Amino acid sequence: MGSSKTNLLIFVLLLAFIGVMVAGQMKERNIAREANAGSSQEEIDKTMEALVEQDTEEEHPYKNEKVDFKGEEFTYSPLGSSLTAGYYASKEDKKFASVLSNYIQEEMNYKVSLEGHSAHEALLMHGLDAAPEINKQEPDLVSIEFGTSDCSAKNNIPLDTFQKQLDLLVDDLTGEGTSKPQVVLLTTWSAGERCQAFDEAVKTVGEEHDFPVVDLSEVWGESSNVGRKGVQTYNGVSDNLYPNDQGMEVIAGKIFEEVEGPLKERGLKVTES
């Protein structure tokens, strides 16, 4: 009888040991499968990135080429509200429009004339009013930056009104009888969830007109790009909302990244004709 109990105990322990071994093997297989899946996803991501880069090169084949427009006249007309006006860069030549003008001049050897129209806390409707003035400047490039004031609780402009106005503004600046400039759109500045729907409206208009959109949330989301309160600037004493000089430079860089290819291609076509 004792021998039977011992054999039974040995049998149970053997079954338990086999169960542990099987469970361990299954766990190892699952880990390996997950690792392989992760590796495959990484490969897929790399492939997709390569395809995007290839599409960009095919769309704007001159983007990475050095071009020389030999001091030809080039007009940049930024249109927008406080951010475009330069609040709160330390000096006027530190606002993003000035920095971007320098990038274009240095990279393409254009003689850049900075024109445009901007006003503190301007609404998109003010941009529509300024469209005739912008068209008279016959710009080669227009950046459009509105929405932060429009979506504020103070002004509370309806979203559909904003999108229709933006669509109309782009038409006014690029339609018949205009210089048909390259346009780049900017989303709202430092408004957070309150203005996300307005950001999406900007992106929709950009997609419909095939114009690039710079997502400013990627800039103001980094605290190092935002100025501190109480600093004396050429536009007055700063708050802790608008970008500092670094933020302005980042904005200019992002805009240049979007328009470099189209501007080179546009300039080369004009030169050839």
Protein backbone atom coordinates (compact mmCIF):
# COMPACT_ATOMS: atom_id res chain seq x y z
CA MET A 1 0.00 0.00 0.00
CA GLY A 2 2.81 2.40 0.87
CA SER A 3 4.50 1.51 -2.38
CA SER A 4 1.32 2.39 -4.32
CA LYS A 5 1.10 5.80 -2.62
CA THR A 6 4.73 6.46 -3.43
CA ASN A 7 4.22 5.53 -7.08
CA LEU A 8 1.11 7.75 -7.26
CA LEU A 9 3.00 10.66 -5.75
CA ILE A 10 5.85 10.18 -8.23
CA PHE A 11 3.32 10.06 -11.08
CA VAL A 12 1.63 13.31 -9.93
CA LEU A 13 4.97 15.06 -9.59
CA LEU A 14 5.96 13.87 -13.05
CA LEU A 15 2.76 15.25 -14.53
CA ALA A 16 3.35 18.58 -12.76
CA PHE A 17 6.91 18.69 -14.08
CA ILE A 18 5.73 17.99 -17.62
CA GLY A 19 3.07 20.69 -17.27
CA VAL A 20 5.63 23.26 -16.18
CA MET A 21 7.91 22.34 -19.08
CA VAL A 22 5.11 22.62 -21.62
CA ALA A 23 3.96 25.98 -20.20
CA GLY A 24 7.52 27.28 -20.34
CA GLN A 25 7.93 26.23 -23.94
CA MET A 26 4.63 27.88 -24.89
CA LYS A 27 5.70 31.08 -23.15
CA GLU A 28 9.01 31.08 -25.00
CA ARG A 29 7.20 30.57 -28.31
CA ASN A 30 4.85 33.47 -27.55
CA ILE A 31 7.77 35.74 -26.69
CA ALA A 32 9.56 34.73 -29.87
CA ARG A 33 6.39 35.29 -31.90
CA GLU A 34 5.92 38.75 -30.38
CA ALA A 35 9.57 39.59 -31.05
CA ASN A 36 9.24 38.45 -34.64
CA ALA A 37 6.04 40.46 -35.02
CA GLY A 38 7.78 43.52 -33.59
CA SER A 39 10.68 43.01 -35.93
CA SER A 40 8.31 42.70 -38.89
CA GLN A 41 6.48 45.87 -37.86
CA GLU A 42 9.79 47.69 -37.58
CA GLU A 43 10.70 46.52 -41.06
CA ILE A 44 7.30 47.65 -42.33
CA ASP A 45 7.76 51.08 -40.72
CA LYS A 46 11.20 51.44 -42.32
CA THR A 47 9.80 50.45 -45.69
CA MET A 48 6.96 52.98 -45.38
CA GLU A 49 9.41 55.74 -44.43
CA ALA A 50 11.53 54.92 -47.46
CA LEU A 51 8.46 55.06 -49.70
CA VAL A 52 7.44 58.45 -48.29
CA GLU A 53 10.95 59.80 -48.89
CA GLN A 54 10.86 58.41 -52.41
CA ASP A 55 7.48 60.03 -53.11
CA THR A 56 8.78 63.37 -51.78
CA GLU A 57 11.85 63.16 -54.02
CA GLU A 58 9.69 62.34 -57.03
CA GLU A 59 7.26 65.18 -56.25
CA HIS A 60 9.99 67.78 -55.64
CA PRO A 61 13.15 66.39 -57.23
CA TYR A 62 15.11 69.64 -56.69
CA LYS A 63 14.56 69.87 -52.93
CA ASN A 64 18.03 68.64 -51.99
CA GLU A 65 19.83 70.33 -54.87
CA LYS A 66 21.73 73.58 -54.53
CA VAL A 67 20.19 76.26 -56.72
CA ASP A 68 21.28 79.80 -57.49
CA PHE A 69 18.71 82.33 -58.63
CA LYS A 70 21.41 85.00 -58.85
CA GLY A 71 19.75 87.65 -56.73
CA GLU A 72 16.37 87.58 -58.49
CA GLU A 73 13.54 89.44 -56.76
CA PHE A 74 11.42 87.29 -54.46
CA THR A 75 8.48 88.53 -52.39
CA TYR A 76 7.35 86.80 -49.22
CA SER A 77 4.03 88.02 -47.82
CA PRO A 78 3.22 86.50 -44.43
CA LEU A 79 -0.43 86.95 -43.48
CA GLY A 80 -1.65 86.34 -39.96
CA SER A 81 -2.18 87.47 -36.40
CA SER A 82 0.07 88.01 -33.39
CA LEU A 83 2.42 85.13 -34.12
CA THR A 84 3.09 86.42 -37.63
CA ALA A 85 3.53 89.93 -36.23
CA GLY A 86 6.42 88.59 -34.16
CA TYR A 87 5.04 88.44 -30.61
CA TYR A 88 7.34 87.96 -28.63
CA ALA A 89 10.62 87.67 -30.47
CA SER A 90 13.40 89.68 -28.86
CA LYS A 91 14.03 91.66 -32.05
CA GLU A 92 12.20 92.09 -35.35
CA ASP A 93 14.78 90.09 -37.27
CA LYS A 94 14.14 87.17 -34.90
CA LYS A 95 10.46 86.72 -35.82
CA PHE A 96 9.81 83.64 -37.94
CA ALA A 97 9.00 85.61 -41.10
CA SER A 98 12.39 87.34 -40.98
CA VAL A 99 14.25 84.10 -40.22
CA LEU A 100 12.44 82.32 -43.06
CA SER A 101 13.32 85.15 -45.45
CA ASN A 102 16.98 84.66 -44.54
CA TYR A 103 16.75 80.91 -45.14
CA ILE A 104 15.30 81.46 -48.61
CA GLN A 105 17.90 84.08 -49.43
CA GLU A 106 20.82 82.00 -48.23
CA GLU A 107 19.71 78.67 -49.71
CA MET A 108 18.48 79.90 -53.09
CA ASN A 109 20.26 83.25 -53.54
CA TYR A 110 17.05 85.19 -53.99
CA LYS A 111 16.81 88.85 -53.06
CA VAL A 112 13.92 88.52 -50.64
CA SER A 113 11.49 91.34 -49.99
CA LEU A 114 9.46 90.81 -46.81
CA GLU A 115 5.99 92.33 -47.23
CA GLY A 116 2.76 90.86 -45.87
CA HIS A 117 0.16 91.97 -43.37
CA SER A 118 -0.31 91.02 -39.71
CA ALA A 119 -2.08 92.38 -36.66
CA HIS A 120 -2.22 91.57 -32.96
CA GLU A 121 -5.02 89.07 -32.19
CA ALA A 122 -6.35 89.35 -35.75
CA LEU A 123 -9.23 87.14 -36.85
CA LEU A 124 -9.42 85.30 -40.14
CA MET A 125 -11.99 87.83 -41.38
CA HIS A 126 -9.23 90.46 -41.14
CA GLY A 127 -7.13 88.25 -43.39
CA LEU A 128 -9.92 88.28 -45.96
CA ASP A 129 -10.00 92.08 -45.75
CA ALA A 130 -6.22 92.17 -46.33
CA ALA A 131 -6.25 89.84 -49.36
CA PRO A 132 -6.37 92.70 -51.93
CA GLU A 133 -3.34 94.31 -50.26
CA ILE A 134 -1.45 90.99 -50.38
CA ASN A 135 -2.30 90.49 -54.04
CA LYS A 136 -0.94 93.93 -54.88
CA GLN A 137 2.41 92.80 -53.45
CA GLU A 138 2.51 90.03 -56.10
CA PRO A 139 4.05 87.53 -53.67
CA ASP A 140 5.94 84.37 -54.53
CA LEU A 141 5.20 82.91 -51.10
CA VAL A 142 2.36 83.48 -48.63
CA SER A 143 2.13 81.94 -45.17
CA ILE A 144 -1.34 82.02 -43.61
CA GLU A 145 -1.62 81.88 -39.82
CA PHE A 146 -5.07 82.34 -38.28
CA GLY A 147 -7.34 80.46 -35.91
CA THR A 148 -5.92 81.02 -32.44
CA SER A 149 -8.05 84.12 -31.91
CA ASP A 150 -10.98 82.75 -33.90
CA CYS A 151 -11.40 79.71 -31.66
CA SER A 152 -10.92 81.61 -28.39
CA ALA A 153 -13.76 81.81 -25.89
CA LYS A 154 -13.69 85.58 -26.37
CA ASN A 155 -14.45 85.47 -30.11
CA ASN A 156 -15.96 82.01 -30.47
CA ILE A 157 -16.12 82.01 -34.28
CA PRO A 158 -18.13 78.98 -35.53
CA LEU A 159 -15.91 76.24 -36.93
CA ASP A 160 -17.73 75.98 -40.26
CA THR A 161 -17.50 79.76 -40.70
CA PHE A 162 -13.75 79.62 -40.08
CA GLN A 163 -13.21 76.81 -42.59
CA LYS A 164 -15.28 78.53 -45.29
CA GLN A 165 -13.41 81.80 -44.72
CA LEU A 166 -10.04 80.05 -44.96
CA ASP A 167 -11.05 78.31 -48.17
CA LEU A 168 -12.21 81.64 -49.60
CA LEU A 169 -8.97 83.37 -48.53
CA VAL A 170 -6.83 80.78 -50.31
CA ASP A 171 -8.99 81.21 -53.42
CA ASP A 172 -8.63 85.01 -53.21
CA LEU A 173 -4.84 84.73 -53.05
CA THR A 174 -4.35 82.13 -55.77
CA GLY A 175 -7.16 82.79 -58.23
CA GLU A 176 -7.27 84.47 -61.62
CA GLY A 177 -5.35 87.74 -61.78
CA THR A 178 -3.05 86.92 -58.87
CA SER A 179 0.64 86.00 -58.90
CA LYS A 180 -0.48 82.48 -57.88
CA PRO A 181 1.97 82.27 -54.98
CA GLN A 182 3.11 79.17 -53.16
CA VAL A 183 0.92 79.03 -50.05
CA VAL A 184 1.69 77.36 -46.73
CA LEU A 185 -0.84 77.12 -43.89
CA LEU A 186 -0.10 77.17 -40.16
CA THR A 187 -2.26 75.66 -37.43
CA THR A 188 -3.18 77.44 -34.20
CA TRP A 189 -0.64 78.41 -31.56
CA SER A 190 -0.67 77.05 -28.01
CA ALA A 191 -4.44 76.66 -27.81
CA GLY A 192 -4.61 72.98 -26.93
CA GLU A 193 -7.80 70.92 -27.09
CA ARG A 194 -9.96 73.99 -27.49
CA CYS A 195 -8.68 74.56 -31.02
CA GLN A 196 -7.99 71.03 -32.25
CA ALA A 197 -11.04 71.14 -34.52
CA PHE A 198 -9.73 74.39 -36.04
CA ASP A 199 -6.37 72.73 -36.64
CA GLU A 200 -8.16 69.93 -38.48
CA ALA A 201 -10.04 72.50 -40.56
CA VAL A 202 -6.71 74.09 -41.55
CA LYS A 203 -5.35 70.70 -42.56
CA THR A 204 -8.49 69.95 -44.57
CA VAL A 205 -8.23 73.19 -46.53
CA GLY A 206 -4.54 72.55 -47.14
CA GLU A 207 -5.27 69.08 -48.46
CA GLU A 208 -8.10 70.30 -50.70
CA HIS A 209 -5.87 72.96 -52.27
CA ASP A 210 -2.74 70.78 -52.27
CA PHE A 211 -0.80 73.23 -50.08
CA PRO A 212 1.43 72.17 -47.17
CA VAL A 213 0.39 72.66 -43.56
CA VAL A 214 2.80 73.25 -40.66
CA ASP A 215 1.48 71.75 -37.43
CA LEU A 216 2.53 74.25 -34.76
CA SER A 217 1.56 71.91 -31.92
CA GLU A 218 4.91 70.22 -32.60
CA VAL A 219 6.54 73.55 -31.71
CA TRP A 220 4.57 74.93 -28.77
CA GLY A 221 4.39 71.43 -27.29
CA GLU A 222 8.08 71.85 -26.40
CA SER A 223 8.36 74.23 -23.44
CA SER A 224 11.84 75.33 -24.51
CA ASN A 225 10.26 76.99 -27.57
CA VAL A 226 7.92 79.17 -25.49
CA GLY A 227 8.98 82.50 -24.00
CA ARG A 228 8.80 83.45 -20.35
CA LYS A 229 6.71 86.25 -18.94
CA GLY A 230 8.08 89.73 -18.31
CA VAL A 231 10.86 89.98 -20.92
CA GLN A 232 11.22 93.29 -22.76
CA THR A 233 10.99 92.79 -26.55
CA TYR A 234 10.63 95.06 -29.56
CA ASN A 235 6.88 94.35 -29.42
CA GLY A 236 6.51 95.07 -25.71
CA VAL A 237 6.76 92.94 -22.58
CA SER A 238 6.38 89.22 -23.25
CA ASP A 239 3.92 86.79 -21.77
CA ASN A 240 4.34 83.04 -21.37
CA LEU A 241 2.19 82.16 -24.39
CA TYR A 242 4.11 83.16 -27.50
CA PRO A 243 7.36 81.63 -28.80
CA ASN A 244 10.79 82.83 -27.82
CA ASP A 245 13.58 83.32 -30.39
CA GLN A 246 14.26 79.60 -30.48
CA GLY A 247 10.58 78.87 -31.10
CA MET A 248 10.50 81.40 -33.92
CA GLU A 249 13.52 79.75 -35.51
CA VAL A 250 11.92 76.32 -35.25
CA ILE A 251 8.75 77.62 -36.94
CA ALA A 252 10.79 79.15 -39.74
CA GLY A 253 12.67 75.88 -40.19
CA LYS A 254 9.48 73.85 -40.41
CA ILE A 255 7.98 76.21 -42.98
CA PHE A 256 11.19 76.15 -45.03
CA GLU A 257 11.21 72.36 -44.96
CA GLU A 258 7.70 72.35 -46.47
CA VAL A 259 8.24 75.00 -49.15
CA GLU A 260 11.88 74.43 -50.17
CA GLY A 261 11.08 71.88 -52.87
CA PRO A 262 8.08 73.71 -54.39
CA LEU A 263 9.93 77.06 -54.42
CA LYS A 264 13.00 75.62 -56.14
CA GLU A 265 10.83 73.89 -58.71
CA ARG A 266 8.74 77.04 -59.22
CA GLY A 267 11.85 79.20 -59.65
CA LEU A 268 13.47 76.80 -62.10
CA LYS A 269 10.33 76.68 -64.24
CA VAL A 270 10.25 80.48 -64.41
CA THR A 271 13.94 80.58 -65.30
CA GLU A 272 13.51 78.01 -68.07
CA SER A 273 10.56 79.88 -69.58
